[in-house]
Amino acid sequence: MEVVMLWLFPWIFQCVSVRADSIIHIGAIFEGNAAKDDEVFKQAVSDLNLNDDILQSEKITYSIKLIEANNPFHAVQEGIAVSRKEEYFQSNNSL
């Protein structure tokens, strides 16, 4: 039995040290007066990253932008900026 235990320990340590094969970057835009929304978003991403049944070899990263309330033009501008940052992020990680 002791031999089996010693044989299994290296396998266990190998499983723990596995790193993410791919990174998924997402962006979120919230109104500045909705303080709890970004905290809920961060917690949801954290929960997904910790759940190996959902994300086995991926990791989610995020960027959050806070905008002023009731300004749809600013929301569109930030959406474009976030999507450009995403394109830049993808092109640099594909090298």
PDB file of N, CA and C in Angstrom:
ATOM      1  N   MET A   1       0.815  -1.200   0.000  1.00  0.00           N
ATOM      2  CA  MET A   1       0.000   0.000   0.000  1.00  0.00           C
ATOM      3  C   MET A   1       0.860   1.267   0.000  1.00  0.00           C
ATOM      4  N   GLU A   2       1.975   1.244   0.694  1.00  0.00           N
ATOM      5  CA  GLU A   2       2.848   2.408   0.742  1.00  0.00           C
ATOM      6  C   GLU A   2       3.434   2.724  -0.624  1.00  0.00           C
ATOM      7  N   VAL A   3       3.719   1.709  -1.409  1.00  0.00           N
ATOM      8  CA  VAL A   3       4.266   1.918  -2.745  1.00  0.00           C
ATOM      9  C   VAL A   3       3.241   2.614  -3.629  1.00  0.00           C
ATOM     10  N   VAL A   4       1.993   2.224  -3.513  1.00  0.00           N
ATOM     11  CA  VAL A   4       0.930   2.850  -4.299  1.00  0.00           C
ATOM     12  C   VAL A   4       0.798   4.321  -3.920  1.00  0.00           C
ATOM     13  N   MET A   5       0.864   4.613  -2.644  1.00  0.00           N
ATOM     14  CA  MET A   5       0.758   5.999  -2.193  1.00  0.00           C
ATOM     15  C   MET A   5       1.894   6.848  -2.759  1.00  0.00           C
ATOM     16  N   LEU A   6       3.110   6.336  -2.728  1.00  0.00           N
ATOM     17  CA  LEU A   6       4.245   7.076  -3.265  1.00  0.00           C
ATOM     18  C   LEU A   6       4.115   7.270  -4.766  1.00  0.00           C
ATOM     19  N   TRP A   7       3.536   6.323  -5.434  1.00  0.00           N
ATOM     20  CA  TRP A   7       3.357   6.417  -6.877  1.00  0.00           C
ATOM     21  C   TRP A   7       2.297   7.463  -7.225  1.00  0.00           C
ATOM     22  N   LEU A   8       1.279   7.611  -6.396  1.00  0.00           N
ATOM     23  CA  LEU A   8       0.203   8.561  -6.672  1.00  0.00           C
ATOM     24  C   LEU A   8       0.589  10.003  -6.353  1.00  0.00           C
ATOM     25  N   PHE A   9       1.466  10.233  -5.411  1.00  0.00           N
ATOM     26  CA  PHE A   9       1.802  11.596  -5.028  1.00  0.00           C
ATOM     27  C   PHE A   9       2.348  12.444  -6.171  1.00  0.00           C
ATOM     28  N   PRO A  10       3.268  11.946  -7.009  1.00  0.00           N
ATOM     29  CA  PRO A  10       3.721  12.790  -8.131  1.00  0.00           C
ATOM     30  C   PRO A  10       2.585  13.167  -9.075  1.00  0.00           C
ATOM     31  N   TRP A  11       1.640  12.258  -9.281  1.00  0.00           N
ATOM     32  CA  TRP A  11       0.511  12.552 -10.164  1.00  0.00           C
ATOM     33  C   TRP A  11      -0.349  13.659  -9.564  1.00  0.00           C
ATOM     34  N   ILE A  12      -0.567  13.614  -8.274  1.00  0.00           N
ATOM     35  CA  ILE A  12      -1.377  14.643  -7.613  1.00  0.00           C
ATOM     36  C   ILE A  12      -0.708  16.005  -7.750  1.00  0.00           C
ATOM     37  N   PHE A  13       0.586  16.068  -7.525  1.00  0.00           N
ATOM     38  CA  PHE A  13       1.287  17.342  -7.636  1.00  0.00           C
ATOM     39  C   PHE A  13       1.285  17.862  -9.065  1.00  0.00           C
ATOM     40  N   GLN A  14       1.324  16.966 -10.036  1.00  0.00           N
ATOM     41  CA  GLN A  14       1.266  17.397 -11.427  1.00  0.00           C
ATOM     42  C   GLN A  14      -0.092  18.009 -11.744  1.00  0.00           C
ATOM     43  N   CYS A  15      -1.148  17.459 -11.218  1.00  0.00           N
ATOM     44  CA  CYS A  15      -2.489  17.994 -11.481  1.00  0.00           C
ATOM     45  C   CYS A  15      -2.650  19.386 -10.879  1.00  0.00           C
ATOM     46  N   VAL A  16      -2.085  19.616  -9.735  1.00  0.00           N
ATOM     47  CA  VAL A  16      -2.219  20.907  -9.075  1.00  0.00           C
ATOM     48  C   VAL A  16      -1.460  21.991  -9.834  1.00  0.00           C
ATOM     49  N   SER A  17      -0.360  21.630 -10.466  1.00  0.00           N
ATOM     50  CA  SER A  17       0.479  22.636 -11.100  1.00  0.00           C
ATOM     51  C   SER A  17       0.110  22.919 -12.555  1.00  0.00           C
ATOM     52  N   VAL A  18      -1.003  22.403 -13.030  1.00  0.00           N
ATOM     53  CA  VAL A  18      -1.419  22.647 -14.414  1.00  0.00           C
ATOM     54  C   VAL A  18      -1.819  24.105 -14.567  1.00  0.00           C
ATOM     55  N   ARG A  19      -1.353  24.750 -15.622  1.00  0.00           N
ATOM     56  CA  ARG A  19      -1.705  26.150 -15.846  1.00  0.00           C
ATOM     57  C   ARG A  19      -2.760  26.249 -16.940  1.00  0.00           C
ATOM     58  N   ALA A  20      -3.365  27.406 -17.066  1.00  0.00           N
ATOM     59  CA  ALA A  20      -4.417  27.611 -18.059  1.00  0.00           C
ATOM     60  C   ALA A  20      -3.840  27.522 -19.470  1.00  0.00           C
ATOM     61  N   ASP A  21      -4.531  26.783 -20.338  1.00  0.00           N
ATOM     62  CA  ASP A  21      -4.106  26.661 -21.732  1.00  0.00           C
ATOM     63  C   ASP A  21      -4.487  27.890 -22.538  1.00  0.00           C
ATOM     64  N   SER A  22      -5.604  28.504 -22.195  1.00  0.00           N
ATOM     65  CA  SER A  22      -6.023  29.693 -22.929  1.00  0.00           C
ATOM     66  C   SER A  22      -6.628  30.706 -21.964  1.00  0.00           C
ATOM     67  N   ILE A  23      -6.498  31.951 -22.336  1.00  0.00           N
ATOM     68  CA  ILE A  23      -7.026  33.047 -21.528  1.00  0.00           C
ATOM     69  C   ILE A  23      -8.142  33.720 -22.309  1.00  0.00           C
ATOM     70  N   ILE A  24      -9.273  33.879 -21.666  1.00  0.00           N
ATOM     71  CA  ILE A  24     -10.423  34.558 -22.258  1.00  0.00           C
ATOM     72  C   ILE A  24     -10.531  35.915 -21.577  1.00  0.00           C
ATOM     73  N   HIS A  25     -10.382  36.981 -22.343  1.00  0.00           N
ATOM     74  CA  HIS A  25     -10.462  38.326 -21.767  1.00  0.00           C
ATOM     75  C   HIS A  25     -11.815  38.934 -22.126  1.00  0.00           C
ATOM     76  N   ILE A  26     -12.523  39.429 -21.115  1.00  0.00           N
ATOM     77  CA  ILE A  26     -13.819  40.063 -21.345  1.00  0.00           C
ATOM     78  C   ILE A  26     -13.799  41.462 -20.745  1.00  0.00           C
ATOM     79  N   GLY A  27     -14.650  42.316 -21.261  1.00  0.00           N
ATOM     80  CA  GLY A  27     -14.771  43.674 -20.763  1.00  0.00           C
ATOM     81  C   GLY A  27     -16.183  43.933 -20.276  1.00  0.00           C
ATOM     82  N   ALA A  28     -16.307  44.787 -19.284  1.00  0.00           N
ATOM     83  CA  ALA A  28     -17.616  45.148 -18.745  1.00  0.00           C
ATOM     84  C   ALA A  28     -17.675  46.654 -18.537  1.00  0.00           C
ATOM     85  N   ILE A  29     -18.845  47.218 -18.798  1.00  0.00           N
ATOM     86  CA  ILE A  29     -19.072  48.650 -18.613  1.00  0.00           C
ATOM     87  C   ILE A  29     -20.222  48.814 -17.624  1.00  0.00           C
ATOM     88  N   PHE A  30     -19.971  49.559 -16.559  1.00  0.00           N
ATOM     89  CA  PHE A  30     -20.990  49.803 -15.546  1.00  0.00           C
ATOM     90  C   PHE A  30     -21.105  51.298 -15.296  1.00  0.00           C
ATOM     91  N   GLU A  31     -22.316  51.725 -14.928  1.00  0.00           N
ATOM     92  CA  GLU A  31     -22.505  53.106 -14.514  1.00  0.00           C
ATOM     93  C   GLU A  31     -21.842  53.298 -13.156  1.00  0.00           C
ATOM     94  N   GLY A  32     -21.227  54.441 -12.973  1.00  0.00           N
ATOM     95  CA  GLY A  32     -20.493  54.715 -11.742  1.00  0.00           C
ATOM     96  C   GLY A  32     -21.337  54.671 -10.487  1.00  0.00           C
ATOM     97  N   ASN A  33     -22.637  54.948 -10.607  1.00  0.00           N
ATOM     98  CA  ASN A  33     -23.497  54.958  -9.424  1.00  0.00           C
ATOM     99  C   ASN A  33     -23.979  53.558  -9.035  1.00  0.00           C
ATOM    100  N   ALA A  34     -23.651  52.551  -9.818  1.00  0.00           N
ATOM    101  CA  ALA A  34     -24.042  51.171  -9.517  1.00  0.00           C
ATOM    102  C   ALA A  34     -22.830  50.439  -8.936  1.00  0.00           C
ATOM    103  N   ALA A  35     -22.486  50.784  -7.710  1.00  0.00           N
ATOM    104  CA  ALA A  35     -21.247  50.297  -7.101  1.00  0.00           C
ATOM    105  C   ALA A  35     -21.227  48.782  -6.921  1.00  0.00           C
ATOM    106  N   LYS A  36     -22.354  48.180  -6.671  1.00  0.00           N
ATOM    107  CA  LYS A  36     -22.387  46.737  -6.411  1.00  0.00           C
ATOM    108  C   LYS A  36     -22.242  45.911  -7.686  1.00  0.00           C
ATOM    109  N   ASP A  37     -22.599  46.474  -8.833  1.00  0.00           N
ATOM    110  CA  ASP A  37     -22.579  45.698 -10.074  1.00  0.00           C
ATOM    111  C   ASP A  37     -21.192  45.170 -10.409  1.00  0.00           C
ATOM    112  N   ASP A  38     -20.178  45.996 -10.272  1.00  0.00           N
ATOM    113  CA  ASP A  38     -18.837  45.518 -10.613  1.00  0.00           C
ATOM    114  C   ASP A  38     -18.337  44.481  -9.612  1.00  0.00           C
ATOM    115  N   GLU A  39     -18.757  44.581  -8.352  1.00  0.00           N
ATOM    116  CA  GLU A  39     -18.379  43.568  -7.362  1.00  0.00           C
ATOM    117  C   GLU A  39     -19.027  42.223  -7.682  1.00  0.00           C
ATOM    118  N   VAL A  40     -20.290  42.256  -8.089  1.00  0.00           N
ATOM    119  CA  VAL A  40     -20.983  41.023  -8.474  1.00  0.00           C
ATOM    120  C   VAL A  40     -20.313  40.412  -9.698  1.00  0.00           C
ATOM    121  N   PHE A  41     -19.943  41.249 -10.657  1.00  0.00           N
ATOM    122  CA  PHE A  41     -19.258  40.787 -11.861  1.00  0.00           C
ATOM    123  C   PHE A  41     -17.926  40.123 -11.507  1.00  0.00           C
ATOM    124  N   LYS A  42     -17.138  40.771 -10.657  1.00  0.00           N
ATOM    125  CA  LYS A  42     -15.847  40.213 -10.246  1.00  0.00           C
ATOM    126  C   LYS A  42     -16.028  38.868  -9.550  1.00  0.00           C
ATOM    127  N   GLN A  43     -17.045  38.776  -8.697  1.00  0.00           N
ATOM    128  CA  GLN A  43     -17.292  37.526  -7.980  1.00  0.00           C
ATOM    129  C   GLN A  43     -17.715  36.419  -8.941  1.00  0.00           C
ATOM    130  N   ALA A  44     -18.530  36.762  -9.937  1.00  0.00           N
ATOM    131  CA  ALA A  44     -18.961  35.765 -10.921  1.00  0.00           C
ATOM    132  C   ALA A  44     -17.771  35.238 -11.722  1.00  0.00           C
ATOM    133  N   VAL A  45     -16.890  36.123 -12.142  1.00  0.00           N
ATOM    134  CA  VAL A  45     -15.694  35.694 -12.885  1.00  0.00           C
ATOM    135  C   VAL A  45     -14.812  34.825 -12.000  1.00  0.00           C
ATOM    136  N   SER A  46     -14.649  35.211 -10.759  1.00  0.00           N
ATOM    137  CA  SER A  46     -13.847  34.423  -9.829  1.00  0.00           C
ATOM    138  C   SER A  46     -14.436  33.027  -9.636  1.00  0.00           C
ATOM    139  N   ASP A  47     -15.754  32.955  -9.475  1.00  0.00           N
ATOM    140  CA  ASP A  47     -16.417  31.658  -9.320  1.00  0.00           C
ATOM    141  C   ASP A  47     -16.213  30.778 -10.545  1.00  0.00           C
ATOM    142  N   LEU A  48     -16.309  31.369 -11.733  1.00  0.00           N
ATOM    143  CA  LEU A  48     -16.077  30.600 -12.959  1.00  0.00           C
ATOM    144  C   LEU A  48     -14.643  30.092 -13.033  1.00  0.00           C
ATOM    145  N   ASN A  49     -13.693  30.932 -12.690  1.00  0.00           N
ATOM    146  CA  ASN A  49     -12.290  30.522 -12.746  1.00  0.00           C
ATOM    147  C   ASN A  49     -11.967  29.403 -11.761  1.00  0.00           C
ATOM    148  N   LEU A  50     -12.665  29.365 -10.650  1.00  0.00           N
ATOM    149  CA  LEU A  50     -12.405  28.341  -9.638  1.00  0.00           C
ATOM    150  C   LEU A  50     -13.138  27.033  -9.899  1.00  0.00           C
ATOM    151  N   ASN A  51     -14.105  27.025 -10.810  1.00  0.00           N
ATOM    152  CA  ASN A  51     -14.903  25.832 -11.079  1.00  0.00           C
ATOM    153  C   ASN A  51     -14.297  25.048 -12.241  1.00  0.00           C
ATOM    154  N   ASP A  52     -13.618  23.957 -11.933  1.00  0.00           N
ATOM    155  CA  ASP A  52     -12.977  23.144 -12.966  1.00  0.00           C
ATOM    156  C   ASP A  52     -13.979  22.394 -13.836  1.00  0.00           C
ATOM    157  N   ASP A  53     -15.212  22.233 -13.375  1.00  0.00           N
ATOM    158  CA  ASP A  53     -16.227  21.581 -14.204  1.00  0.00           C
ATOM    159  C   ASP A  53     -16.639  22.466 -15.376  1.00  0.00           C
ATOM    160  N   ILE A  54     -16.556  23.770 -15.213  1.00  0.00           N
ATOM    161  CA  ILE A  54     -16.949  24.698 -16.278  1.00  0.00           C
ATOM    162  C   ILE A  54     -15.750  25.062 -17.139  1.00  0.00           C
ATOM    163  N   LEU A  55     -14.690  25.523 -16.518  1.00  0.00           N
ATOM    164  CA  LEU A  55     -13.475  25.918 -17.242  1.00  0.00           C
ATOM    165  C   LEU A  55     -12.345  24.984 -16.836  1.00  0.00           C
ATOM    166  N   GLN A  56     -12.055  24.031 -17.690  1.00  0.00           N
ATOM    167  CA  GLN A  56     -11.046  23.037 -17.337  1.00  0.00           C
ATOM    168  C   GLN A  56      -9.632  23.527 -17.610  1.00  0.00           C
ATOM    169  N   SER A  57      -9.428  24.198 -18.725  1.00  0.00           N
ATOM    170  CA  SER A  57      -8.067  24.640 -19.051  1.00  0.00           C
ATOM    171  C   SER A  57      -8.031  26.104 -19.482  1.00  0.00           C
ATOM    172  N   GLU A  58      -9.094  26.840 -19.192  1.00  0.00           N
ATOM    173  CA  GLU A  58      -9.162  28.247 -19.549  1.00  0.00           C
ATOM    174  C   GLU A  58      -9.177  29.102 -18.290  1.00  0.00           C
ATOM    175  N   LYS A  59      -8.804  30.347 -18.469  1.00  0.00           N
ATOM    176  CA  LYS A  59      -8.892  31.324 -17.387  1.00  0.00           C
ATOM    177  C   LYS A  59      -9.511  32.591 -17.955  1.00  0.00           C
ATOM    178  N   ILE A  60     -10.418  33.185 -17.202  1.00  0.00           N
ATOM    179  CA  ILE A  60     -11.064  34.425 -17.620  1.00  0.00           C
ATOM    180  C   ILE A  60     -10.361  35.592 -16.932  1.00  0.00           C
ATOM    181  N   THR A  61      -9.986  36.587 -17.728  1.00  0.00           N
ATOM    182  CA  THR A  61      -9.510  37.855 -17.194  1.00  0.00           C
ATOM    183  C   THR A  61     -10.508  38.923 -17.623  1.00  0.00           C
ATOM    184  N   TYR A  62     -10.483  40.064 -16.983  1.00  0.00           N
ATOM    185  CA  TYR A  62     -11.480  41.085 -17.301  1.00  0.00           C
ATOM    186  C   TYR A  62     -10.909  42.481 -17.127  1.00  0.00           C
ATOM    187  N   SER A  63     -11.585  43.408 -17.776  1.00  0.00           N
ATOM    188  CA  SER A  63     -11.341  44.825 -17.532  1.00  0.00           C
ATOM    189  C   SER A  63     -12.699  45.481 -17.342  1.00  0.00           C
ATOM    190  N   ILE A  64     -12.765  46.398 -16.409  1.00  0.00           N
ATOM    191  CA  ILE A  64     -14.019  47.069 -16.064  1.00  0.00           C
ATOM    192  C   ILE A  64     -13.858  48.562 -16.300  1.00  0.00           C
ATOM    193  N   LYS A  65     -14.868  49.148 -16.929  1.00  0.00           N
ATOM    194  CA  LYS A  65     -14.922  50.600 -17.123  1.00  0.00           C
ATOM    195  C   LYS A  65     -16.159  51.120 -16.406  1.00  0.00           C
ATOM    196  N   LEU A  66     -15.976  52.184 -15.648  1.00  0.00           N
ATOM    197  CA  LEU A  66     -17.098  52.864 -15.005  1.00  0.00           C
ATOM    198  C   LEU A  66     -17.381  54.138 -15.784  1.00  0.00           C
ATOM    199  N   ILE A  67     -18.654  54.352 -16.097  1.00  0.00           N
ATOM    200  CA  ILE A  67     -19.047  55.533 -16.864  1.00  0.00           C
ATOM    201  C   ILE A  67     -20.082  56.318 -16.075  1.00  0.00           C
ATOM    202  N   GLU A  68     -20.301  57.548 -16.496  1.00  0.00           N
ATOM    203  CA  GLU A  68     -21.323  58.368 -15.838  1.00  0.00           C
ATOM    204  C   GLU A  68     -22.712  57.869 -16.246  1.00  0.00           C
ATOM    205  N   ALA A  69     -23.652  58.036 -15.345  1.00  0.00           N
ATOM    206  CA  ALA A  69     -25.010  57.547 -15.576  1.00  0.00           C
ATOM    207  C   ALA A  69     -25.714  58.361 -16.659  1.00  0.00           C
ATOM    208  N   ASN A  70     -26.598  57.711 -17.381  1.00  0.00           N
ATOM    209  CA  ASN A  70     -27.462  58.337 -18.391  1.00  0.00           C
ATOM    210  C   ASN A  70     -26.686  59.060 -19.484  1.00  0.00           C
ATOM    211  N   ASN A  71     -25.585  58.483 -19.915  1.00  0.00           N
ATOM    212  CA  ASN A  71     -24.818  59.056 -21.008  1.00  0.00           C
ATOM    213  C   ASN A  71     -24.518  57.945 -22.015  1.00  0.00           C
ATOM    214  N   PRO A  72     -25.476  57.666 -22.913  1.00  0.00           N
ATOM    215  CA  PRO A  72     -25.287  56.561 -23.859  1.00  0.00           C
ATOM    216  C   PRO A  72     -24.111  56.785 -24.808  1.00  0.00           C
ATOM    217  N   PHE A  73     -23.792  58.040 -25.137  1.00  0.00           N
ATOM    218  CA  PHE A  73     -22.662  58.307 -26.021  1.00  0.00           C
ATOM    219  C   PHE A  73     -21.354  57.841 -25.370  1.00  0.00           C
ATOM    220  N   HIS A  74     -21.195  58.128 -24.089  1.00  0.00           N
ATOM    221  CA  HIS A  74     -20.008  57.687 -23.361  1.00  0.00           C
ATOM    222  C   HIS A  74     -19.951  56.161 -23.293  1.00  0.00           C
ATOM    223  N   ALA A  75     -21.109  55.529 -23.121  1.00  0.00           N
ATOM    224  CA  ALA A  75     -21.155  54.064 -23.086  1.00  0.00           C
ATOM    225  C   ALA A  75     -20.679  53.472 -24.409  1.00  0.00           C
ATOM    226  N   VAL A  76     -21.112  54.060 -25.520  1.00  0.00           N
ATOM    227  CA  VAL A  76     -20.686  53.580 -26.836  1.00  0.00           C
ATOM    228  C   VAL A  76     -19.181  53.784 -27.011  1.00  0.00           C
ATOM    229  N   GLN A  77     -18.678  54.943 -26.618  1.00  0.00           N
ATOM    230  CA  GLN A  77     -17.235  55.202 -26.725  1.00  0.00           C
ATOM    231  C   GLN A  77     -16.423  54.181 -25.923  1.00  0.00           C
ATOM    232  N   GLU A  78     -16.852  53.903 -24.720  1.00  0.00           N
ATOM    233  CA  GLU A  78     -16.135  52.931 -23.883  1.00  0.00           C
ATOM    234  C   GLU A  78     -16.256  51.526 -24.459  1.00  0.00           C
ATOM    235  N   GLY A  79     -17.409  51.203 -25.023  1.00  0.00           N
ATOM    236  CA  GLY A  79     -17.578  49.894 -25.661  1.00  0.00           C
ATOM    237  C   GLY A  79     -16.609  49.702 -26.811  1.00  0.00           C
ATOM    238  N   ILE A  80     -16.443  50.734 -27.609  1.00  0.00           N
ATOM    239  CA  ILE A  80     -15.483  50.672 -28.721  1.00  0.00           C
ATOM    240  C   ILE A  80     -14.060  50.531 -28.179  1.00  0.00           C
ATOM    241  N   ALA A  81     -13.736  51.288 -27.139  1.00  0.00           N
ATOM    242  CA  ALA A  81     -12.387  51.211 -26.556  1.00  0.00           C
ATOM    243  C   ALA A  81     -12.110  49.822 -25.986  1.00  0.00           C
ATOM    244  N   VAL A  82     -13.099  49.231 -25.316  1.00  0.00           N
ATOM    245  CA  VAL A  82     -12.930  47.889 -24.749  1.00  0.00           C
ATOM    246  C   VAL A  82     -12.755  46.863 -25.860  1.00  0.00           C
ATOM    247  N   SER A  83     -13.528  46.989 -26.937  1.00  0.00           N
ATOM    248  CA  SER A  83     -13.399  46.019 -28.032  1.00  0.00           C
ATOM    249  C   SER A  83     -12.051  46.160 -28.733  1.00  0.00           C
ATOM    250  N   ARG A  84     -11.540  47.363 -28.852  1.00  0.00           N
ATOM    251  CA  ARG A  84     -10.205  47.551 -29.444  1.00  0.00           C
ATOM    252  C   ARG A  84      -9.125  46.954 -28.548  1.00  0.00           C
ATOM    253  N   LYS A  85      -9.291  47.131 -27.243  1.00  0.00           N
ATOM    254  CA  LYS A  85      -8.334  46.542 -26.310  1.00  0.00           C
ATOM    255  C   LYS A  85      -8.378  45.020 -26.424  1.00  0.00           C
ATOM    256  N   GLU A  86      -9.558  44.453 -26.600  1.00  0.00           N
ATOM    257  CA  GLU A  86      -9.708  43.004 -26.764  1.00  0.00           C
ATOM    258  C   GLU A  86      -9.009  42.533 -28.032  1.00  0.00           C
ATOM    259  N   GLU A  87      -9.173  43.264 -29.134  1.00  0.00           N
ATOM    260  CA  GLU A  87      -8.499  42.895 -30.380  1.00  0.00           C
ATOM    261  C   GLU A  87      -6.985  42.946 -30.198  1.00  0.00           C
ATOM    262  N   TYR A  88      -6.495  43.966 -29.522  1.00  0.00           N
ATOM    263  CA  TYR A  88      -5.057  44.096 -29.269  1.00  0.00           C
ATOM    264  C   TYR A  88      -4.559  42.940 -28.407  1.00  0.00           C
ATOM    265  N   PHE A  89      -5.334  42.608 -27.382  1.00  0.00           N
ATOM    266  CA  PHE A  89      -4.973  41.531 -26.468  1.00  0.00           C
ATOM    267  C   PHE A  89      -4.887  40.208 -27.220  1.00  0.00           C
ATOM    268  N   GLN A  90      -5.867  39.935 -28.085  1.00  0.00           N
ATOM    269  CA  GLN A  90      -5.873  38.685 -28.846  1.00  0.00           C
ATOM    270  C   GLN A  90      -4.715  38.627 -29.825  1.00  0.00           C
ATOM    271  N   SER A  91      -4.418  39.713 -30.506  1.00  0.00           N
ATOM    272  CA  SER A  91      -3.349  39.688 -31.501  1.00  0.00           C
ATOM    273  C   SER A  91      -1.980  39.503 -30.845  1.00  0.00           C
ATOM    274  N   ASN A  92      -1.786  40.042 -29.658  1.00  0.00           N
ATOM    275  CA  ASN A  92      -0.498  39.880 -28.977  1.00  0.00           C
ATOM    276  C   ASN A  92      -0.340  38.510 -28.340  1.00  0.00           C
ATOM    277  N   ASN A  93      -1.435  37.859 -27.976  1.00  0.00           N
ATOM    278  CA  ASN A  93      -1.345  36.528 -27.382  1.00  0.00           C
ATOM    279  C   ASN A  93      -1.257  35.428 -28.418  1.00  0.00           C
ATOM    280  N   SER A  94      -1.545  35.736 -29.669  1.00  0.00           N
ATOM    281  CA  SER A  94      -1.503  34.703 -30.697  1.00  0.00           C
ATOM    282  C   SER A  94      -0.102  34.509 -31.255  1.00  0.00           C
ATOM    283  N   LEU A  95       0.836  35.359 -30.865  1.00  0.00           N
ATOM    284  CA  LEU A  95       2.214  35.251 -31.369  1.00  0.00           C
ATOM    285  C   LEU A  95       2.948  34.096 -30.767  1.00  0.00           C
TER     286      LEU A  95
END
